[in-house]
Protein backbone atom coordinates (compact mmCIF):
# COMPACT_ATOMS: atom_id res chain seq x y z
CA MET A 1 -15.83 22.32 -13.64
CA THR A 2 -14.26 25.51 -12.52
CA ARG A 3 -11.51 27.29 -14.54
CA ASP A 4 -8.47 26.85 -12.16
CA LEU A 5 -9.42 23.16 -11.82
CA PHE A 6 -9.29 22.73 -15.57
CA ARG A 7 -6.01 24.63 -15.87
CA ARG A 8 -4.54 22.36 -13.31
CA LEU A 9 -5.62 19.30 -15.22
CA ILE A 10 -4.10 20.30 -18.57
CA THR A 11 -0.89 21.71 -17.04
CA ASN A 12 0.17 18.66 -15.08
CA PRO A 13 1.18 15.65 -17.13
CA LEU A 14 0.03 13.33 -14.36
CA TYR A 15 -3.63 14.32 -14.95
CA TRP A 16 -3.17 13.45 -18.68
CA LEU A 17 -3.69 9.84 -17.37
CA LEU A 18 -7.27 10.77 -16.80
CA ALA A 19 -7.74 9.74 -20.53
CA CYS A 20 -7.35 6.13 -19.24
CA VAL A 21 -10.76 6.47 -17.41
CA PRO A 22 -12.86 6.17 -20.53
CA LEU A 23 -10.41 3.77 -22.14
CA ALA A 24 -10.70 1.48 -19.12
CA ILE A 25 -14.57 1.60 -19.50
CA ILE A 26 -14.33 0.80 -23.19
CA LEU A 27 -11.87 -2.16 -22.48
CA VAL A 28 -14.37 -3.71 -19.98
CA ALA A 29 -17.16 -3.36 -22.42
CA LEU A 30 -15.27 -5.18 -25.14
CA ASP A 31 -14.24 -7.93 -22.72
CA ALA A 32 -10.45 -7.10 -23.21
CA PRO A 33 -7.68 -9.19 -21.76
CA ALA A 34 -7.54 -8.84 -17.88
CA GLY A 35 -3.91 -7.74 -18.09
CA TRP A 36 -4.73 -4.68 -20.19
CA VAL A 37 -7.77 -3.81 -18.20
CA MET A 38 -5.74 -3.84 -15.00
CA LEU A 39 -2.82 -1.76 -16.52
CA VAL A 40 -5.25 0.81 -17.75
CA SER A 41 -7.57 1.19 -14.84
CA GLY A 42 -4.47 1.39 -12.57
CA ALA A 43 -3.04 4.10 -14.61
CA ALA A 44 -6.45 5.87 -14.27
CA LEU A 45 -6.50 5.52 -10.47
CA ALA A 46 -3.04 7.47 -10.28
CA PRO A 47 -4.44 10.93 -11.17
CA MET A 48 -7.52 10.19 -9.23
CA ALA A 49 -5.26 9.74 -6.04
CA GLY A 50 -3.48 12.88 -7.04
CA LEU A 51 -6.81 14.84 -7.27
CA ILE A 52 -7.96 13.66 -3.90
CA GLY A 53 -4.58 14.77 -2.14
CA GLU A 54 -4.57 18.14 -3.93
CA ALA A 55 -8.18 18.71 -3.23
CA THR A 56 -7.70 17.88 0.53
CA GLU A 57 -4.68 20.20 0.80
CA SER A 58 -6.56 23.08 -0.93
CA ALA A 59 -9.54 22.57 1.22
CA ALA A 60 -7.33 22.45 4.34
CA ALA A 61 -5.70 25.81 3.32
CA HIS A 62 -9.07 27.53 3.63
CA THR A 63 -9.43 26.43 7.15
CA THR A 64 -7.56 26.97 10.37
CA PRO A 65 -3.99 25.43 10.64
CA ARG A 66 -5.33 22.90 13.17
CA ILE A 67 -8.24 21.82 11.07
CA GLY A 68 -6.01 21.83 8.13
CA GLY A 69 -3.67 19.47 9.67
CA LEU A 70 -6.69 17.36 10.82
CA LEU A 71 -7.73 17.08 7.22
CA ASN A 72 -4.36 16.03 6.00
CA ALA A 73 -3.87 13.50 8.75
CA THR A 74 -7.25 11.75 8.18
CA LEU A 75 -7.81 12.07 4.43
CA GLY A 76 -4.24 11.73 3.18
CA ASN A 77 -4.52 8.00 2.13
CA SER A 78 -8.22 8.15 0.97
CA ALA A 79 -7.48 6.62 -2.42
CA GLU A 80 -5.65 3.49 -1.06
CA LEU A 81 -8.47 3.10 1.53
CA ILE A 82 -11.10 2.99 -1.04
CA ILE A 83 -9.24 0.51 -3.13
CA SER A 84 -8.84 -1.60 -0.07
CA ILE A 85 -12.47 -1.47 0.82
CA VAL A 86 -13.63 -2.61 -2.71
CA ALA A 87 -11.05 -5.58 -2.41
CA ILE A 88 -12.55 -6.54 1.11
CA ARG A 89 -15.94 -6.56 -0.41
CA GLU A 90 -14.78 -8.94 -3.00
CA GLY A 91 -13.02 -11.11 -0.43
CA LEU A 92 -9.48 -10.46 -1.53
CA LEU A 93 -8.06 -10.25 2.01
CA GLU A 94 -4.60 -11.27 1.17
CA LEU A 95 -4.46 -8.37 -1.42
CA VAL A 96 -5.64 -6.06 1.26
CA LYS A 97 -3.17 -7.07 3.93
CA ALA A 98 -0.20 -7.09 1.42
CA SER A 99 -1.24 -3.55 0.32
CA ILE A 100 -0.76 -2.44 3.97
CA THR A 101 2.75 -3.89 4.08
CA GLY A 102 3.53 -2.58 0.56
CA SER A 103 2.33 0.86 1.55
CA ILE A 104 4.70 1.20 4.41
CA LEU A 105 7.65 -0.39 2.66
CA GLY A 106 6.99 1.92 -0.38
CA ASN A 107 6.85 5.10 1.53
CA LEU A 108 9.87 4.18 3.75
CA LEU A 109 12.15 2.69 1.06
CA LEU A 110 10.89 3.68 -2.34
CA VAL A 111 9.79 7.23 -1.66
CA LEU A 112 12.25 8.39 0.89
CA GLY A 113 15.05 6.65 -0.96
CA MET A 114 14.13 8.38 -4.33
CA GLY A 115 13.99 11.64 -2.43
CA MET A 116 17.34 11.33 -0.85
CA LEU A 117 18.85 9.97 -4.02
CA ALA A 118 17.49 12.63 -6.23
CA GLY A 119 18.09 15.53 -3.63
CA GLY A 120 21.58 14.29 -2.75
CA ALA A 121 22.78 14.04 -6.27
CA ARG A 122 21.71 17.76 -6.78
CA HIS A 123 22.58 19.22 -3.51
CA GLY A 124 25.00 16.91 -1.78
CA ILE A 125 24.39 16.38 1.92
CA GLN A 126 20.88 17.50 2.85
CA VAL A 127 19.55 18.33 6.26
CA PHE A 128 16.13 17.84 7.71
CA ASP A 129 14.28 18.23 11.01
CA ARG A 130 15.94 15.41 13.18
CA ARG A 131 13.65 15.80 16.19
CA LYS A 132 10.44 15.48 13.98
CA ALA A 133 11.97 12.58 12.05
CA SER A 134 12.92 10.79 14.99
CA SER A 135 9.67 11.16 16.90
CA ASP A 136 7.92 10.04 13.76
CA SER A 137 10.43 7.06 13.68
CA ILE A 138 9.51 6.07 17.29
CA LEU A 139 5.66 6.21 16.55
CA LEU A 140 6.24 4.14 13.38
CA MET A 141 8.18 1.51 15.45
CA LEU A 142 5.28 1.49 17.91
CA ALA A 143 2.89 0.97 15.08
CA VAL A 144 4.86 -1.89 13.37
CA THR A 145 5.19 -3.71 16.84
CA ALA A 146 1.52 -3.36 17.39
CA LEU A 147 0.91 -4.92 13.93
CA SER A 148 3.22 -7.77 14.75
CA VAL A 149 1.47 -8.62 17.98
CA PRO A 150 -1.55 -10.59 16.36
CA SER A 151 0.84 -12.23 13.89
CA LEU A 152 3.10 -13.52 16.50
CA PHE A 153 0.04 -14.62 18.67
CA SER A 154 -1.44 -16.45 15.68
CA HIS A 155 1.94 -18.33 15.02
CA VAL A 156 2.32 -19.20 18.56
CA ALA A 157 -1.40 -20.04 19.51
CA GLY A 158 -2.74 -20.94 16.18
CA GLY A 159 -2.20 -24.52 16.42
CA ILE A 160 -3.50 -24.64 19.90
CA ARG A 161 -6.59 -22.33 20.04
CA ASP A 162 -9.13 -21.82 17.40
CA ASP A 163 -11.81 -20.03 19.38
CA GLY A 164 -11.68 -16.56 17.66
CA SER A 165 -8.89 -15.30 19.88
CA VAL A 166 -6.92 -13.94 16.96
CA GLU A 167 -9.83 -12.23 15.50
CA ALA A 168 -10.60 -10.67 18.96
CA LEU A 169 -6.93 -9.57 19.44
CA SER A 170 -7.00 -8.02 15.95
CA LEU A 171 -9.96 -5.93 16.93
CA GLY A 172 -8.41 -4.90 20.29
CA VAL A 173 -5.20 -3.87 18.68
CA ALA A 174 -7.03 -2.03 15.91
CA ALA A 175 -9.01 -0.10 18.54
CA MET A 176 -6.08 0.87 20.49
CA MET A 177 -4.10 2.03 17.49
CA VAL A 178 -6.90 4.29 16.51
CA VAL A 179 -6.81 5.63 19.90
CA ILE A 180 -3.14 6.48 19.86
CA TYR A 181 -3.46 7.89 16.43
CA ALA A 182 -6.28 10.17 17.92
CA LEU A 183 -4.21 11.06 20.91
CA GLY A 184 -1.25 12.00 18.73
CA LEU A 185 -3.52 14.39 16.66
CA ILE A 186 -4.79 16.14 19.83
CA TYR A 187 -1.22 16.48 21.16
CA GLY A 188 -0.01 17.75 17.83
CA MET A 189 -3.01 20.22 17.37
CA ARG A 190 -1.89 21.75 20.76
CA LEU A 191 1.61 22.10 19.84
CA GLU A 192 2.31 21.68 16.18
CA PRO A 193 -0.61 21.57 13.73
CA SER A 194 1.20 19.44 11.24
CA HIS A 195 1.97 16.54 13.64
CA LEU A 196 1.05 13.15 12.22
CA SER A 197 -0.23 14.94 9.01
CA ARG A 198 2.11 15.04 5.81
CA GLY A 199 2.44 18.64 5.72
CA SER A 200 1.28 20.81 2.87
CA THR A 201 3.37 20.11 -0.27
CA GLN A 202 1.64 22.38 -2.63
CA ALA A 203 3.48 25.70 -1.62
CA VAL A 204 7.02 24.04 -1.70
CA ALA A 205 6.19 22.16 -4.93
CA GLY A 206 5.07 25.47 -6.62
CA GLU A 207 1.47 24.24 -6.98
CA PRO A 208 -1.20 26.98 -6.62
CA GLU A 209 -4.02 26.42 -4.18
CA TRP A 210 -7.55 26.01 -5.37
CA SER A 211 -10.72 27.78 -4.15
CA LEU A 212 -12.76 26.03 -1.68
CA ARG A 213 -15.57 25.35 -4.30
CA THR A 214 -13.05 23.99 -6.83
CA ALA A 215 -11.43 21.81 -4.07
CA ILE A 216 -14.87 20.33 -3.03
CA ILE A 217 -15.81 19.63 -6.64
CA ALA A 218 -12.42 18.00 -7.30
CA LEU A 219 -12.78 15.82 -4.14
CA ILE A 220 -16.19 14.47 -4.89
CA VAL A 221 -15.43 13.83 -8.67
CA ALA A 222 -12.27 12.22 -7.73
CA THR A 223 -13.73 10.06 -4.94
CA ILE A 224 -16.49 8.82 -7.34
CA GLY A 225 -13.93 8.10 -10.03
CA THR A 226 -11.72 6.22 -7.58
CA VAL A 227 -14.39 3.95 -6.52
CA TRP A 228 -15.34 3.13 -10.07
CA MET A 229 -11.87 2.56 -11.37
CA SER A 230 -11.22 0.41 -8.10
CA GLU A 231 -14.12 -1.76 -9.08
CA ILE A 232 -12.62 -2.33 -12.30
CA LEU A 233 -9.08 -2.95 -11.14
CA VAL A 234 -10.09 -5.31 -8.32
CA GLY A 235 -12.32 -7.16 -10.67
CA GLN A 236 -9.17 -8.23 -12.86
CA VAL A 237 -7.18 -9.46 -10.01
CA GLU A 238 -8.23 -13.12 -10.07
CA PRO A 239 -8.12 -13.40 -14.02
CA VAL A 240 -4.59 -11.85 -13.97
CA VAL A 241 -3.37 -14.25 -11.24
CA LYS A 242 -4.61 -17.23 -13.34
CA GLN A 243 -3.43 -15.88 -16.62
CA PHE A 244 0.06 -14.82 -15.62
CA GLY A 245 0.85 -16.95 -12.49
CA VAL A 246 1.51 -13.84 -10.49
CA SER A 247 0.35 -14.10 -6.86
CA GLU A 248 -2.51 -11.85 -5.60
CA PHE A 249 -0.05 -11.06 -2.58
CA PHE A 250 2.66 -9.70 -5.05
CA LEU A 251 -0.13 -7.43 -6.58
CA GLY A 252 -1.06 -6.12 -3.16
CA ILE A 253 2.58 -5.51 -2.29
CA ILE A 254 3.44 -3.67 -5.43
CA LEU A 255 0.56 -2.46 -7.48
CA VAL A 256 -2.05 -1.10 -5.08
CA PRO A 257 0.45 1.20 -3.04
CA ILE A 258 2.00 2.56 -6.21
CA VAL A 259 -1.16 3.44 -7.90
CA GLY A 260 -2.65 4.82 -4.75
CA ASN A 261 0.24 7.11 -3.79
CA VAL A 262 1.93 7.89 -7.23
CA ALA A 263 1.11 11.60 -7.09
CA GLU A 264 2.43 11.83 -3.43
CA HIS A 265 5.67 9.90 -4.53
CA LEU A 266 6.27 12.55 -7.19
CA VAL A 267 5.78 15.52 -5.16
CA ALA A 268 8.14 14.00 -2.46
CA VAL A 269 10.92 13.64 -4.98
CA ARG A 270 10.21 17.20 -6.29
CA VAL A 271 10.47 18.79 -2.96
CA ALA A 272 13.66 16.87 -2.06
CA MET A 273 15.27 18.11 -5.45
CA LYS A 274 14.26 21.69 -4.31
CA ASN A 275 16.29 20.95 -1.04
CA GLN A 276 13.31 20.78 1.16
CA MET A 277 14.37 17.33 2.64
CA SER A 278 12.40 17.94 5.87
CA LEU A 279 9.10 17.95 3.94
CA CYS A 280 10.18 14.93 1.99
CA ALA A 281 10.84 12.96 5.06
CA GLU A 282 7.62 14.11 6.71
CA VAL A 283 5.64 13.11 3.55
CA SER A 284 7.11 9.52 3.37
CA ILE A 285 7.25 8.71 7.07
CA GLY A 286 4.09 10.44 7.93
CA SER A 287 2.21 8.54 5.26
CA SER A 288 3.57 5.15 6.68
CA ILE A 289 2.27 6.19 10.13
CA GLN A 290 -1.11 6.92 8.71
CA VAL A 291 -1.31 3.71 7.07
CA ALA A 292 -0.11 1.62 10.08
CA LEU A 293 -2.09 3.53 12.79
CA LEU A 294 -5.25 4.63 10.91
CA VAL A 295 -5.84 2.93 7.47
CA ALA A 296 -5.06 -0.58 8.73
CA PRO A 297 -7.38 -0.48 11.98
CA LEU A 298 -10.10 1.13 9.98
CA LEU A 299 -9.94 -1.65 7.38
CA VAL A 300 -10.35 -4.22 10.40
CA PHE A 301 -13.51 -2.63 11.38
CA ILE A 302 -14.85 -1.86 7.95
CA SER A 303 -14.31 -5.61 7.01
CA LEU A 304 -16.77 -6.59 9.91
CA LEU A 305 -19.31 -4.49 8.39
CA LEU A 306 -18.94 -6.08 4.84
CA GLY A 307 -19.07 -9.55 6.25
CA ASN A 308 -15.43 -10.46 5.47
CA PRO A 309 -13.43 -10.01 8.70
CA LEU A 310 -9.83 -9.22 8.24
CA THR A 311 -7.20 -9.86 10.90
CA LEU A 312 -3.88 -8.25 11.25
CA VAL A 313 -2.02 -11.42 10.81
CA PHE A 314 1.06 -11.11 8.51
CA ASN A 315 3.39 -13.84 7.31
CA ASN A 316 6.92 -13.96 8.73
CA PHE A 317 8.58 -12.60 5.83
CA GLU A 318 6.35 -9.51 5.91
CA LEU A 319 7.14 -8.96 9.44
CA VAL A 320 10.75 -9.15 8.89
CA ALA A 321 10.56 -6.73 5.94
CA LEU A 322 8.55 -4.31 7.99
CA ILE A 323 10.71 -4.37 11.02
CA GLY A 324 13.87 -4.08 8.97
CA ALA A 325 12.52 -1.05 6.95
CA VAL A 326 11.53 0.84 10.12
CA VAL A 327 14.75 0.25 11.97
CA ILE A 328 16.91 1.25 8.96
CA THR A 329 14.72 4.46 8.45
CA ALA A 330 15.19 5.22 12.09
CA PHE A 331 18.90 5.02 11.77
CA VAL A 332 19.03 7.07 8.70
CA ALA A 333 16.85 9.77 10.36
CA SER A 334 18.91 9.77 13.52
CA ASP A 335 21.66 12.26 12.32
CA GLY A 336 19.37 14.58 10.65
CA GLU A 337 21.37 14.41 7.36
CA SER A 338 21.05 12.45 4.25
CA ASN A 339 23.06 11.85 1.02
CA TRP A 340 22.46 10.13 -2.32
CA LEU A 341 24.15 6.91 -1.05
CA GLU A 342 21.61 6.41 1.76
CA GLY A 343 18.95 6.94 -0.94
CA ALA A 344 20.45 4.35 -3.18
CA SER A 345 20.67 1.93 -0.24
CA LEU A 346 17.02 2.23 0.52
CA LEU A 347 16.05 1.75 -3.04
CA THR A 348 18.37 -1.20 -3.38
CA LEU A 349 16.70 -2.70 -0.17
CA TYR A 350 13.09 -2.12 -1.72
CA LEU A 351 14.18 -3.81 -5.02
CA ILE A 352 15.60 -6.76 -3.23
CA LEU A 353 12.34 -7.21 -1.05
CA GLY A 354 10.31 -6.77 -4.29
CA LEU A 355 12.19 -9.57 -5.95
CA ALA A 356 11.77 -11.83 -2.92
CA PHE A 357 8.07 -11.07 -2.76
CA PHE A 358 7.69 -11.91 -6.50
CA LEU A 359 9.46 -15.16 -6.22
CA LEU A 360 7.60 -16.08 -2.81
CA PRO A 361 5.34 -19.16 -3.44
CA GLN A 362 1.59 -18.48 -3.48
């Protein structure tokens, strides 16, 4: 391991959680209670996701701006994608679909809300790029509408047709979502390299870039570690559901998005507190777009290869929550200004939805 990578690991408190990696392995070997194993393995995944994000940004910094934007736009949610793939292989499809919903809601309400609250409390009214936020909001509305189509079709025709039409529609929607995401990348690379990517947060957050060799080493090690810890985490889902009575759905809505994006969440709040609200908005909204237009469709195709087909059918409550979050975010972004009260409002809505999801019957 190179010197600058080692220095980064010992100076960032988030990476101290890497100590949970051997602890999780020991707990599994000792057949410890599932709740403890899930808690420790989830804590171990947080720094892994952070390493993947930092390594991707550092590698992107050693390329051209357009290639860098492409890397950020395609690898930004790698940790969450890996966790979901492991869950699909284990047949936990409800967990995966809930994690898609939870990631979009978490980025729009929790991350953006925390950033506006923290930044507004320190700087008062903050301004951001209204045109960029508005265009991203429109793309996000398109994505959520596309995600809603298979669900609405299933609710309307589910009791009438059982001929695989829902699965076919999910595949068609997923393919077209990937196409529009790719077109967005092409459009952005011609005009603005950061379009559809979440931008580089390292420079604003005061984090030094790594060498290309260090970034590649970190990316490989973190990816392997994420797969390993994901195996342990997902393996505890069913025992935890039986032991504590919490639903698989709730774990997907809350747990997976948080452990997969905690490093990004912290950086978004930090840049907001440094009065860089444009970057905070780009991180939160851009990440939601990636999940909706790239991660979710990829999971549909990957699930076919793994023999556990995943459809883009969500329950009514998820659809209402997604549409409501996107509409509110669009209204907040429409004037190009934010304050701490708007942030508190977004956070309050996230907590209300979280409570409702927790109480929702299995």
